[in-house]
PDB file of N, CA and C in Angstrom:
ATOM      1  N   MET A   1      -8.560 -17.105  18.916  1.00  0.00           N
ATOM      2  CA  MET A   1      -8.017 -16.142  18.733  1.00  0.00           C
ATOM      3  C   MET A   1      -9.157 -15.248  18.525  1.00  0.00           C
ATOM      4  N   PRO A   2      -9.877 -14.247  19.116  1.00  0.00           N
ATOM      5  CA  PRO A   2     -10.053 -13.009  18.744  1.00  0.00           C
ATOM      6  C   PRO A   2     -10.745 -12.897  17.438  1.00  0.00           C
ATOM      7  N   ALA A   3     -12.189 -12.863  16.453  1.00  0.00           N
ATOM      8  CA  ALA A   3     -11.922 -11.910  15.400  1.00  0.00           C
ATOM      9  C   ALA A   3     -11.480 -10.029  15.503  1.00  0.00           C
ATOM     10  N   PRO A   4     -11.049  -9.998  14.476  1.00  0.00           N
ATOM     11  CA  PRO A   4     -10.617  -8.786  14.452  1.00  0.00           C
ATOM     12  C   PRO A   4     -11.426  -7.685  14.264  1.00  0.00           C
ATOM     13  N   PRO A   5     -11.631  -6.652  15.056  1.00  0.00           N
ATOM     14  CA  PRO A   5     -12.510  -5.205  15.202  1.00  0.00           C
ATOM     15  C   PRO A   5     -12.638  -5.102  13.602  1.00  0.00           C
ATOM     16  N   GLU A   6     -14.296  -5.122  13.735  1.00  0.00           N
ATOM     17  CA  GLU A   6     -14.829  -4.334  12.551  1.00  0.00           C
ATOM     18  C   GLU A   6     -14.519  -3.350  12.524  1.00  0.00           C
ATOM     19  N   ASP A   7     -13.793  -3.008  10.727  1.00  0.00           N
ATOM     20  CA  ASP A   7     -13.693  -1.269  10.226  1.00  0.00           C
ATOM     21  C   ASP A   7     -14.860  -0.591  10.424  1.00  0.00           C
ATOM     22  N   LYS A   8     -14.419   0.704  11.585  1.00  0.00           N
ATOM     23  CA  LYS A   8     -15.534   1.506  11.809  1.00  0.00           C
ATOM     24  C   LYS A   8     -15.295   2.754   9.973  1.00  0.00           C
ATOM     25  N   PRO A   9     -16.485   2.832   9.757  1.00  0.00           N
ATOM     26  CA  PRO A   9     -15.837   3.753   7.758  1.00  0.00           C
ATOM     27  C   PRO A   9     -15.734   5.270   8.388  1.00  0.00           C
ATOM     28  N   THR A  10     -14.916   6.250   7.688  1.00  0.00           N
ATOM     29  CA  THR A  10     -14.552   6.979   8.372  1.00  0.00           C
ATOM     30  C   THR A  10     -15.508   8.712   7.591  1.00  0.00           C
ATOM     31  N   GLY A  11     -16.290   7.741   6.908  1.00  0.00           N
ATOM     32  CA  GLY A  11     -16.727   9.245   6.417  1.00  0.00           C
ATOM     33  C   GLY A  11     -16.131   9.834   5.417  1.00  0.00           C
ATOM     34  N   VAL A  12     -15.190   9.341   4.845  1.00  0.00           N
ATOM     35  CA  VAL A  12     -14.407   9.727   4.332  1.00  0.00           C
ATOM     36  C   VAL A  12     -14.516   9.032   2.435  1.00  0.00           C
ATOM     37  N   ASN A  13     -14.477   9.743   1.339  1.00  0.00           N
ATOM     38  CA  ASN A  13     -14.375   8.737   0.400  1.00  0.00           C
ATOM     39  C   ASN A  13     -13.726   9.391  -0.618  1.00  0.00           C
ATOM     40  N   PHE A  14     -12.714   8.976  -1.666  1.00  0.00           N
ATOM     41  CA  PHE A  14     -12.359   9.814  -2.399  1.00  0.00           C
ATOM     42  C   PHE A  14     -12.836   9.583  -3.774  1.00  0.00           C
ATOM     43  N   PHE A  15     -12.789   9.719  -4.740  1.00  0.00           N
ATOM     44  CA  PHE A  15     -12.949   9.245  -6.362  1.00  0.00           C
ATOM     45  C   PHE A  15     -12.008   9.972  -6.767  1.00  0.00           C
ATOM     46  N   ILE A  16     -11.631   9.218  -7.819  1.00  0.00           N
ATOM     47  CA  ILE A  16      -9.967   8.680  -8.746  1.00  0.00           C
ATOM     48  C   ILE A  16     -10.573   8.921  -9.908  1.00  0.00           C
ATOM     49  N   SER A  17      -9.958  10.137 -10.750  1.00  0.00           N
ATOM     50  CA  SER A  17     -10.718   9.954 -12.735  1.00  0.00           C
ATOM     51  C   SER A  17      -9.495  10.964 -13.151  1.00  0.00           C
ATOM     52  N   GLY A  18      -9.772  10.118 -14.433  1.00  0.00           N
ATOM     53  CA  GLY A  18      -7.925  10.289 -15.396  1.00  0.00           C
ATOM     54  C   GLY A  18      -8.840  11.418 -15.948  1.00  0.00           C
ATOM     55  N   ILE A  19      -8.500  12.234 -16.975  1.00  0.00           N
ATOM     56  CA  ILE A  19      -8.704  13.513 -17.296  1.00  0.00           C
ATOM     57  C   ILE A  19      -7.487  13.358 -18.745  1.00  0.00           C
ATOM     58  N   VAL A  20      -8.768  14.242 -19.842  1.00  0.00           N
ATOM     59  CA  VAL A  20      -7.520  14.967 -20.808  1.00  0.00           C
ATOM     60  C   VAL A  20      -7.771  16.382 -20.804  1.00  0.00           C
ATOM     61  N   ALA A  21      -6.771  16.959 -20.636  1.00  0.00           N
ATOM     62  CA  ALA A  21      -7.299  18.845 -20.380  1.00  0.00           C
ATOM     63  C   ALA A  21      -7.338  18.931 -22.159  1.00  0.00           C
ATOM     64  N   ALA A  22      -7.949  19.907 -21.880  1.00  0.00           N
ATOM     65  CA  ALA A  22      -8.803  20.841 -22.885  1.00  0.00           C
ATOM     66  C   ALA A  22      -7.585  21.443 -23.054  1.00  0.00           C
ATOM     67  N   ARG A  23      -7.403  22.243 -22.085  1.00  0.00           N
ATOM     68  CA  ARG A  23      -5.970  23.541 -22.296  1.00  0.00           C
ATOM     69  C   ARG A  23      -4.871  23.316 -23.178  1.00  0.00           C
ATOM     70  N   ASN A  24      -4.432  21.572 -23.394  1.00  0.00           N
ATOM     71  CA  ASN A  24      -3.029  21.225 -23.555  1.00  0.00           C
ATOM     72  C   ASN A  24      -2.786  19.953 -24.280  1.00  0.00           C
ATOM     73  N   GLY A  25      -4.330  18.847 -23.870  1.00  0.00           N
ATOM     74  CA  GLY A  25      -4.625  17.529 -24.970  1.00  0.00           C
ATOM     75  C   GLY A  25      -3.208  16.975 -23.255  1.00  0.00           C
ATOM     76  N   LYS A  26      -2.808  17.367 -22.273  1.00  0.00           N
ATOM     77  CA  LYS A  26      -2.700  15.856 -21.750  1.00  0.00           C
ATOM     78  C   LYS A  26      -2.905  15.648 -20.195  1.00  0.00           C
ATOM     79  N   PRO A  27      -2.500  14.439 -20.241  1.00  0.00           N
ATOM     80  CA  PRO A  27      -3.120  13.518 -19.697  1.00  0.00           C
ATOM     81  C   PRO A  27      -3.051  13.482 -18.162  1.00  0.00           C
ATOM     82  N   TYR A  28      -4.057  13.985 -17.244  1.00  0.00           N
ATOM     83  CA  TYR A  28      -4.456  14.178 -15.748  1.00  0.00           C
ATOM     84  C   TYR A  28      -5.342  13.340 -14.798  1.00  0.00           C
ATOM     85  N   VAL A  29      -5.107  13.181 -13.796  1.00  0.00           N
ATOM     86  CA  VAL A  29      -5.565  12.236 -12.281  1.00  0.00           C
ATOM     87  C   VAL A  29      -6.267  13.229 -11.563  1.00  0.00           C
ATOM     88  N   ILE A  30      -7.067  13.125 -11.772  1.00  0.00           N
ATOM     89  CA  ILE A  30      -8.570  14.377 -10.471  1.00  0.00           C
ATOM     90  C   ILE A  30      -8.224  13.289  -9.795  1.00  0.00           C
ATOM     91  N   ILE A  31      -8.079  13.370  -8.099  1.00  0.00           N
ATOM     92  CA  ILE A  31      -8.862  12.647  -6.735  1.00  0.00           C
ATOM     93  C   ILE A  31      -9.339  14.059  -6.441  1.00  0.00           C
ATOM     94  N   ASP A  32     -10.626  14.124  -5.661  1.00  0.00           N
ATOM     95  CA  ASP A  32     -12.092  14.674  -5.777  1.00  0.00           C
ATOM     96  C   ASP A  32     -12.694  13.524  -4.614  1.00  0.00           C
ATOM     97  N   ASN A  33     -13.246  14.613  -3.458  1.00  0.00           N
ATOM     98  CA  ASN A  33     -13.996  14.110  -2.607  1.00  0.00           C
ATOM     99  C   ASN A  33     -15.702  13.755  -2.766  1.00  0.00           C
ATOM    100  N   GLY A  34     -16.007  14.290  -4.641  1.00  0.00           N
ATOM    101  CA  GLY A  34     -17.545  14.332  -4.473  1.00  0.00           C
ATOM    102  C   GLY A  34     -18.436  15.513  -4.343  1.00  0.00           C
ATOM    103  N   GLU A  35     -17.597  16.419  -4.010  1.00  0.00           N
ATOM    104  CA  GLU A  35     -17.629  18.175  -3.825  1.00  0.00           C
ATOM    105  C   GLU A  35     -16.571  19.376  -4.038  1.00  0.00           C
ATOM    106  N   THR A  36     -15.739  18.990  -3.564  1.00  0.00           N
ATOM    107  CA  THR A  36     -13.863  19.730  -4.321  1.00  0.00           C
ATOM    108  C   THR A  36     -13.611  18.465  -4.096  1.00  0.00           C
ATOM    109  N   ARG A  37     -12.297  19.324  -5.308  1.00  0.00           N
ATOM    110  CA  ARG A  37     -10.872  18.155  -6.387  1.00  0.00           C
ATOM    111  C   ARG A  37     -10.851  18.559  -5.427  1.00  0.00           C
ATOM    112  N   ILE A  38      -9.779  17.477  -4.528  1.00  0.00           N
ATOM    113  CA  ILE A  38      -9.058  17.856  -3.843  1.00  0.00           C
ATOM    114  C   ILE A  38      -7.335  17.638  -4.649  1.00  0.00           C
ATOM    115  N   ALA A  39      -7.195  17.256  -5.659  1.00  0.00           N
ATOM    116  CA  ALA A  39      -6.194  17.316  -6.388  1.00  0.00           C
ATOM    117  C   ALA A  39      -5.277  16.973  -7.826  1.00  0.00           C
ATOM    118  N   GLN A  40      -4.930  17.934  -9.103  1.00  0.00           N
ATOM    119  CA  GLN A  40      -5.028  17.054  -9.792  1.00  0.00           C
ATOM    120  C   GLN A  40      -3.576  17.150 -10.424  1.00  0.00           C
ATOM    121  N   LEU A  41      -3.527  15.861 -10.964  1.00  0.00           N
ATOM    122  CA  LEU A  41      -1.991  15.254 -10.554  1.00  0.00           C
ATOM    123  C   LEU A  41      -1.747  14.982 -12.523  1.00  0.00           C
ATOM    124  N   SER A  42      -0.482  15.320 -12.252  1.00  0.00           N
ATOM    125  CA  SER A  42       0.594  14.771 -13.540  1.00  0.00           C
ATOM    126  C   SER A  42       0.395  13.209 -13.410  1.00  0.00           C
ATOM    127  N   ILE A  43       0.879  12.612 -14.911  1.00  0.00           N
ATOM    128  CA  ILE A  43       0.583  10.927 -14.118  1.00  0.00           C
ATOM    129  C   ILE A  43       2.015  10.868 -13.874  1.00  0.00           C
ATOM    130  N   ALA A  44       3.074  11.483 -14.143  1.00  0.00           N
ATOM    131  CA  ALA A  44       4.456  10.941 -13.164  1.00  0.00           C
ATOM    132  C   ALA A  44       4.293  10.947 -11.678  1.00  0.00           C
ATOM    133  N   GLU A  45       3.401  12.043 -11.305  1.00  0.00           N
ATOM    134  CA  GLU A  45       2.623  12.481  -9.692  1.00  0.00           C
ATOM    135  C   GLU A  45       1.617  11.175  -9.553  1.00  0.00           C
ATOM    136  N   ALA A  46       0.874  11.187 -10.029  1.00  0.00           N
ATOM    137  CA  ALA A  46       0.256  10.290 -10.041  1.00  0.00           C
ATOM    138  C   ALA A  46       0.674   9.124  -9.455  1.00  0.00           C
ATOM    139  N   ARG A  47       1.185   8.334 -10.224  1.00  0.00           N
ATOM    140  CA  ARG A  47       1.826   7.264 -10.193  1.00  0.00           C
ATOM    141  C   ARG A  47       2.842   7.238  -8.895  1.00  0.00           C
ATOM    142  N   SER A  48       3.380   8.317  -8.478  1.00  0.00           N
ATOM    143  CA  SER A  48       4.465   8.531  -7.163  1.00  0.00           C
ATOM    144  C   SER A  48       3.769   8.386  -6.241  1.00  0.00           C
ATOM    145  N   VAL A  49       2.054   8.823  -6.215  1.00  0.00           N
ATOM    146  CA  VAL A  49       1.134   8.642  -5.424  1.00  0.00           C
ATOM    147  C   VAL A  49       0.909   7.707  -5.667  1.00  0.00           C
ATOM    148  N   ALA A  50       0.115   6.835  -5.480  1.00  0.00           N
ATOM    149  CA  ALA A  50       0.068   5.932  -6.135  1.00  0.00           C
ATOM    150  C   ALA A  50       1.438   4.313  -5.482  1.00  0.00           C
ATOM    151  N   LEU A  51       2.274   4.150  -5.573  1.00  0.00           N
ATOM    152  CA  LEU A  51       3.328   3.601  -5.334  1.00  0.00           C
ATOM    153  C   LEU A  51       3.573   4.591  -3.746  1.00  0.00           C
ATOM    154  N   ASP A  52       3.432   5.480  -2.967  1.00  0.00           N
ATOM    155  CA  ASP A  52       3.338   5.932  -1.499  1.00  0.00           C
ATOM    156  C   ASP A  52       2.213   5.513  -0.773  1.00  0.00           C
ATOM    157  N   LEU A  53       0.701   5.520  -1.332  1.00  0.00           N
ATOM    158  CA  LEU A  53       0.169   4.527  -1.396  1.00  0.00           C
ATOM    159  C   LEU A  53       0.460   3.066  -0.440  1.00  0.00           C
ATOM    160  N   LEU A  54       0.755   2.627  -1.284  1.00  0.00           N
ATOM    161  CA  LEU A  54       0.883   1.511  -0.926  1.00  0.00           C
ATOM    162  C   LEU A  54       2.010   1.193  -0.256  1.00  0.00           C
ATOM    163  N   ARG A  55       2.994   1.580  -0.680  1.00  0.00           N
ATOM    164  CA  ARG A  55       4.564   1.623   0.710  1.00  0.00           C
ATOM    165  C   ARG A  55       3.826   1.366   1.624  1.00  0.00           C
ATOM    166  N   ALA A  56       2.726   2.903   2.103  1.00  0.00           N
ATOM    167  CA  ALA A  56       3.027   2.718   3.382  1.00  0.00           C
ATOM    168  C   ALA A  56       1.810   2.049   4.219  1.00  0.00           C
ATOM    169  N   ALA A  57       0.641   1.749   3.092  1.00  0.00           N
ATOM    170  CA  ALA A  57       0.318  -0.206   3.217  1.00  0.00           C
ATOM    171  C   ALA A  57       0.532  -1.378   3.557  1.00  0.00           C
ATOM    172  N   SER A  58       1.315  -1.135   2.693  1.00  0.00           N
ATOM    173  CA  SER A  58       2.913  -2.102   3.279  1.00  0.00           C
ATOM    174  C   SER A  58       3.153  -2.349   4.644  1.00  0.00           C
ATOM    175  N   TYR A  59       3.702  -1.030   5.046  1.00  0.00           N
ATOM    176  CA  TYR A  59       4.206  -0.459   5.921  1.00  0.00           C
ATOM    177  C   TYR A  59       3.378  -0.804   7.536  1.00  0.00           C
ATOM    178  N   ALA A  60       2.559  -0.479   6.983  1.00  0.00           N
ATOM    179  CA  ALA A  60       1.578   0.007   8.323  1.00  0.00           C
ATOM    180  C   ALA A  60       1.280  -1.968   8.966  1.00  0.00           C
ATOM    181  N   GLU A  61       1.142  -2.516   7.191  1.00  0.00           N
ATOM    182  CA  GLU A  61       0.400  -4.659   7.689  1.00  0.00           C
ATOM    183  C   GLU A  61       1.577  -5.167   8.090  1.00  0.00           C
ATOM    184  N   ALA A  62       3.050  -4.412   8.065  1.00  0.00           N
ATOM    185  CA  ALA A  62       4.055  -5.403   9.018  1.00  0.00           C
ATOM    186  C   ALA A  62       4.089  -4.699  10.022  1.00  0.00           C
ATOM    187  N   ASP A  63       4.314  -3.573  10.515  1.00  0.00           N
ATOM    188  CA  ASP A  63       4.029  -3.361  11.325  1.00  0.00           C
ATOM    189  C   ASP A  63       2.759  -3.706  12.634  1.00  0.00           C
ATOM    190  N   SER A  64       1.512  -3.726  11.491  1.00  0.00           N
ATOM    191  CA  SER A  64       0.539  -4.144  12.904  1.00  0.00           C
ATOM    192  C   SER A  64       1.205  -5.435  12.878  1.00  0.00           C
ATOM    193  N   MET A  65       1.510  -6.907  12.020  1.00  0.00           N
ATOM    194  CA  MET A  65       1.582  -8.083  11.990  1.00  0.00           C
ATOM    195  C   MET A  65       2.515  -8.296  13.089  1.00  0.00           C
ATOM    196  N   ILE A  66       3.949  -6.987  13.258  1.00  0.00           N
ATOM    197  CA  ILE A  66       5.126  -7.507  14.507  1.00  0.00           C
ATOM    198  C   ILE A  66       4.044  -6.552  15.845  1.00  0.00           C
ATOM    199  N   VAL A  67       3.704  -5.337  16.190  1.00  0.00           N
ATOM    200  CA  VAL A  67       2.839  -4.972  17.241  1.00  0.00           C
ATOM    201  C   VAL A  67       1.713  -6.113  17.764  1.00  0.00           C
ATOM    202  N   ARG A  68       1.320  -7.350  16.896  1.00  0.00           N
ATOM    203  CA  ARG A  68       0.329  -8.239  17.053  1.00  0.00           C
ATOM    204  C   ARG A  68       1.159  -9.436  17.576  1.00  0.00           C
ATOM    205  N   PHE A  69       2.380  -9.644  17.050  1.00  0.00           N
ATOM    206  CA  PHE A  69       2.830 -10.868  17.603  1.00  0.00           C
ATOM    207  C   PHE A  69       3.696 -10.888  19.287  1.00  0.00           C
ATOM    208  N   PHE A  70       3.684  -9.350  18.675  1.00  0.00           N
ATOM    209  CA  PHE A  70       4.992  -8.863  20.334  1.00  0.00           C
ATOM    210  C   PHE A  70       3.243  -9.251  21.476  1.00  0.00           C
ATOM    211  N   LYS A  71       2.369  -8.704  21.898  1.00  0.00           N
ATOM    212  CA  LYS A  71       1.328  -8.271  22.460  1.00  0.00           C
ATOM    213  C   LYS A  71       0.816  -9.923  22.365  1.00  0.00           C
ATOM    214  N   LYS A  72       1.062 -10.853  21.915  1.00  0.00           N
ATOM    215  CA  LYS A  72       0.399 -11.874  21.461  1.00  0.00           C
ATOM    216  C   LYS A  72       1.672 -12.904  22.621  1.00  0.00           C
ATOM    217  N   HIS A  73       2.853 -12.850  22.872  1.00  0.00           N
ATOM    218  CA  HIS A  73       3.357 -13.883  23.200  1.00  0.00           C
ATOM    219  C   HIS A  73       3.927 -12.784  24.707  1.00  0.00           C
ATOM    220  N   GLY A  74       3.308 -11.200  24.820  1.00  0.00           N
ATOM    221  CA  GLY A  74       4.019 -10.922  26.332  1.00  0.00           C
ATOM    222  C   GLY A  74       4.606  -9.779  26.165  1.00  0.00           C
ATOM    223  N   LEU A  75       5.062  -8.985  24.865  1.00  0.00           N
ATOM    224  CA  LEU A  75       6.427  -8.416  25.447  1.00  0.00           C
ATOM    225  C   LEU A  75       5.974  -7.101  25.110  1.00  0.00           C
ATOM    226  N   GLU A  76       5.350  -6.431  24.750  1.00  0.00           N
ATOM    227  CA  GLU A  76       4.927  -5.261  24.654  1.00  0.00           C
ATOM    228  C   GLU A  76       5.900  -3.971  25.524  1.00  0.00           C
ATOM    229  N   GLY A  77       5.724  -2.650  25.470  1.00  0.00           N
ATOM    230  CA  GLY A  77       6.328  -2.053  26.134  1.00  0.00           C
ATOM    231  C   GLY A  77       8.474  -1.973  25.676  1.00  0.00           C
ATOM    232  N   GLY A  78       9.016  -1.902  26.226  1.00  0.00           N
ATOM    233  CA  GLY A  78      10.498  -1.369  25.891  1.00  0.00           C
ATOM    234  C   GLY A  78      11.019  -2.846  24.573  1.00  0.00           C
ATOM    235  N   PRO A  79      11.026  -3.953  24.526  1.00  0.00           N
ATOM    236  CA  PRO A  79      10.926  -5.044  23.662  1.00  0.00           C
ATOM    237  C   PRO A  79      10.350  -4.566  21.871  1.00  0.00           C
ATOM    238  N   LEU A  80       8.852  -4.560  22.509  1.00  0.00           N
ATOM    239  CA  LEU A  80       8.727  -4.018  21.100  1.00  0.00           C
ATOM    240  C   LEU A  80       8.482  -3.048  20.941  1.00  0.00           C
ATOM    241  N   ALA A  81       9.189  -1.842  21.436  1.00  0.00           N
ATOM    242  CA  ALA A  81       9.642  -0.801  20.850  1.00  0.00           C
ATOM    243  C   ALA A  81      11.297  -0.128  19.970  1.00  0.00           C
ATOM    244  N   ALA A  82      11.387  -1.390  20.738  1.00  0.00           N
ATOM    245  CA  ALA A  82      13.303  -1.845  20.666  1.00  0.00           C
ATOM    246  C   ALA A  82      13.008  -2.586  19.205  1.00  0.00           C
ATOM    247  N   PHE A  83      12.069  -3.163  18.883  1.00  0.00           N
ATOM    248  CA  PHE A  83      12.450  -3.976  17.672  1.00  0.00           C
ATOM    249  C   PHE A  83      11.890  -3.098  16.847  1.00  0.00           C
ATOM    250  N   MET A  84      10.687  -2.570  16.995  1.00  0.00           N
ATOM    251  CA  MET A  84       9.983  -1.330  15.723  1.00  0.00           C
ATOM    252  C   MET A  84      11.286  -0.329  15.231  1.00  0.00           C
ATOM    253  N   GLN A  85      12.188   0.158  16.496  1.00  0.00           N
ATOM    254  CA  GLN A  85      13.015   0.966  15.562  1.00  0.00           C
ATOM    255  C   GLN A  85      13.543   0.481  15.015  1.00  0.00           C
ATOM    256  N   ASP A  86      14.600  -0.961  15.682  1.00  0.00           N
ATOM    257  CA  ASP A  86      15.369  -1.712  14.310  1.00  0.00           C
ATOM    258  C   ASP A  86      14.493  -1.671  12.996  1.00  0.00           C
ATOM    259  N   PHE A  87      13.291  -2.556  13.321  1.00  0.00           N
ATOM    260  CA  PHE A  87      12.985  -3.153  12.625  1.00  0.00           C
ATOM    261  C   PHE A  87      12.585  -1.393  10.807  1.00  0.00           C
ATOM    262  N   ARG A  88      12.107  -0.975  11.702  1.00  0.00           N
ATOM    263  CA  ARG A  88      12.056   0.778  10.326  1.00  0.00           C
ATOM    264  C   ARG A  88      13.092   1.081  10.013  1.00  0.00           C
ATOM    265  N   ASP A  89      14.784   1.370  10.662  1.00  0.00           N
ATOM    266  CA  ASP A  89      16.029   1.519  10.017  1.00  0.00           C
ATOM    267  C   ASP A  89      16.553   0.684   9.674  1.00  0.00           C
ATOM    268  N   PHE A  90      15.851  -0.143   9.456  1.00  0.00           N
ATOM    269  CA  PHE A  90      16.205  -1.634   8.433  1.00  0.00           C
ATOM    270  C   PHE A  90      15.725  -1.411   7.370  1.00  0.00           C
ATOM    271  N   ARG A  91      14.348  -1.137   7.108  1.00  0.00           N
ATOM    272  CA  ARG A  91      13.554  -0.839   6.398  1.00  0.00           C
ATOM    273  C   ARG A  91      13.543   0.457   5.758  1.00  0.00           C
ATOM    274  N   HIS A  92      14.450   1.034   6.144  1.00  0.00           N
ATOM    275  CA  HIS A  92      14.853   3.302   5.653  1.00  0.00           C
ATOM    276  C   HIS A  92      15.729   2.478   5.154  1.00  0.00           C
ATOM    277  N   VAL A  93      16.596   1.564   5.622  1.00  0.00           N
ATOM    278  CA  VAL A  93      18.200   1.100   4.915  1.00  0.00           C
ATOM    279  C   VAL A  93      17.784   0.833   3.590  1.00  0.00           C
ATOM    280  N   LEU A  94      16.917  -0.068   3.412  1.00  0.00           N
ATOM    281  CA  LEU A  94      17.174  -0.989   1.748  1.00  0.00           C
ATOM    282  C   LEU A  94      15.942   0.404   1.228  1.00  0.00           C
ATOM    283  N   ASP A  95      15.230   0.431   1.121  1.00  0.00           N
ATOM    284  CA  ASP A  95      14.604   1.773   1.147  1.00  0.00           C
ATOM    285  C   ASP A  95      15.208   2.593   0.240  1.00  0.00           C
ATOM    286  N   THR A  96      15.986   3.326   0.304  1.00  0.00           N
ATOM    287  CA  THR A  96      17.160   4.545   0.553  1.00  0.00           C
ATOM    288  C   THR A  96      18.057   3.853  -0.305  1.00  0.00           C
ATOM    289  N   GLU A  97      18.936   2.294  -1.205  1.00  0.00           N
ATOM    290  CA  GLU A  97      19.247   1.228  -1.275  1.00  0.00           C
ATOM    291  C   GLU A  97      19.187   2.444  -2.889  1.00  0.00           C
ATOM    292  N   LYS A  98      20.208   2.603  -3.699  1.00  0.00           N
ATOM    293  CA  LYS A  98      20.560   3.476  -5.162  1.00  0.00           C
ATOM    294  C   LYS A  98      20.003   2.437  -6.093  1.00  0.00           C
ATOM    295  N   VAL A  99      19.587   2.603  -7.002  1.00  0.00           N
ATOM    296  CA  VAL A  99      19.514   1.214  -8.002  1.00  0.00           C
ATOM    297  C   VAL A  99      19.622   2.178  -8.999  1.00  0.00           C
ATOM    298  N   GLU A 100      20.519   1.619  -9.863  1.00  0.00           N
ATOM    299  CA  GLU A 100      20.891   1.432 -10.916  1.00  0.00           C
ATOM    300  C   GLU A 100      20.612   1.583 -12.480  1.00  0.00           C
ATOM    301  N   THR A 101      20.068   2.901 -13.237  1.00  0.00           N
ATOM    302  CA  THR A 101      19.518   2.673 -14.251  1.00  0.00           C
ATOM    303  C   THR A 101      20.065   3.063 -15.548  1.00  0.00           C
ATOM    304  N   ARG A 102      19.478   2.569 -16.683  1.00  0.00           N
ATOM    305  CA  ARG A 102      19.712   3.491 -17.934  1.00  0.00           C
ATOM    306  C   ARG A 102      19.090   2.948 -18.676  1.00  0.00           C
ATOM    307  N   HIS A 103      18.682   3.439 -20.214  1.00  0.00           N
ATOM    308  CA  HIS A 103      17.304   3.968 -20.902  1.00  0.00           C
ATOM    309  C   HIS A 103      18.256   3.156 -22.639  1.00  0.00           C
ATOM    310  N   VAL A 104      17.446   2.933 -23.042  1.00  0.00           N
ATOM    311  CA  VAL A 104      17.933   1.975 -23.767  1.00  0.00           C
ATOM    312  C   VAL A 104      17.175   2.119 -25.213  1.00  0.00           C
ATOM    313  N   ASP A 105      17.678   2.576 -26.257  1.00  0.00           N
ATOM    314  CA  ASP A 105      16.068   2.960 -27.324  1.00  0.00           C
ATOM    315  C   ASP A 105      15.560   1.660 -27.678  1.00  0.00           C
ATOM    316  N   PRO A 106      14.409   1.530 -27.478  1.00  0.00           N
ATOM    317  CA  PRO A 106      13.716   0.037 -28.678  1.00  0.00           C
ATOM    318  C   PRO A 106      14.021  -0.157 -29.995  1.00  0.00           C
ATOM    319  N   ASP A 107      14.411   0.988 -30.367  1.00  0.00           N
ATOM    320  CA  ASP A 107      14.346   0.564 -32.005  1.00  0.00           C
ATOM    321  C   ASP A 107      15.960  -0.038 -32.744  1.00  0.00           C
ATOM    322  N   THR A 108      16.672   1.285 -32.166  1.00  0.00           N
ATOM    323  CA  THR A 108      18.621   0.535 -31.939  1.00  0.00           C
ATOM    324  C   THR A 108      19.007  -0.027 -31.455  1.00  0.00           C
ATOM    325  N   GLY A 109      18.458  -0.013 -29.568  1.00  0.00           N
ATOM    326  CA  GLY A 109      18.728  -0.895 -28.661  1.00  0.00           C
ATOM    327  C   GLY A 109      20.044  -0.415 -28.166  1.00  0.00           C
ATOM    328  N   GLU A 110      20.430   0.466 -28.632  1.00  0.00           N
ATOM    329  CA  GLU A 110      21.859   1.999 -28.506  1.00  0.00           C
ATOM    330  C   GLU A 110      21.256   2.454 -26.826  1.00  0.00           C
ATOM    331  N   GLU A 111      22.084   3.037 -25.922  1.00  0.00           N
ATOM    332  CA  GLU A 111      22.071   3.004 -24.879  1.00  0.00           C
ATOM    333  C   GLU A 111      21.600   4.788 -25.173  1.00  0.00           C
ATOM    334  N   ALA A 112      20.139   5.024 -24.697  1.00  0.00           N
ATOM    335  CA  ALA A 112      20.926   6.638 -24.750  1.00  0.00           C
ATOM    336  C   ALA A 112      21.002   7.705 -23.299  1.00  0.00           C
ATOM    337  N   GLN A 113      21.780   8.759 -24.393  1.00  0.00           N
ATOM    338  CA  GLN A 113      21.782   9.688 -23.343  1.00  0.00           C
ATOM    339  C   GLN A 113      21.557  10.219 -22.475  1.00  0.00           C
TER     340      GLN A 113
END
């Protein structure tokens, strides 16, 4: 099997840092590129973005493996496109599944309202 192509640098760098705002004492996450502040996120927003990045990386990795497998076995074109659509539809159903949640007070053990 041939070696995978070398990753080419994009020339884009991002820096992530945490701060405590002097104006309100709340924690924030800063994303910048060394010259410009790209975003200032609340902790909840930062966690959401982090999960989105992990999810997107996982999806890209799985999709890439599927494309590589189909190409290796000469099944490009229609079969690959049909499989990818079914796979992505299946993944979407799993991603939109509702999760039951409840909150319990750690001191009392009672369910919080």
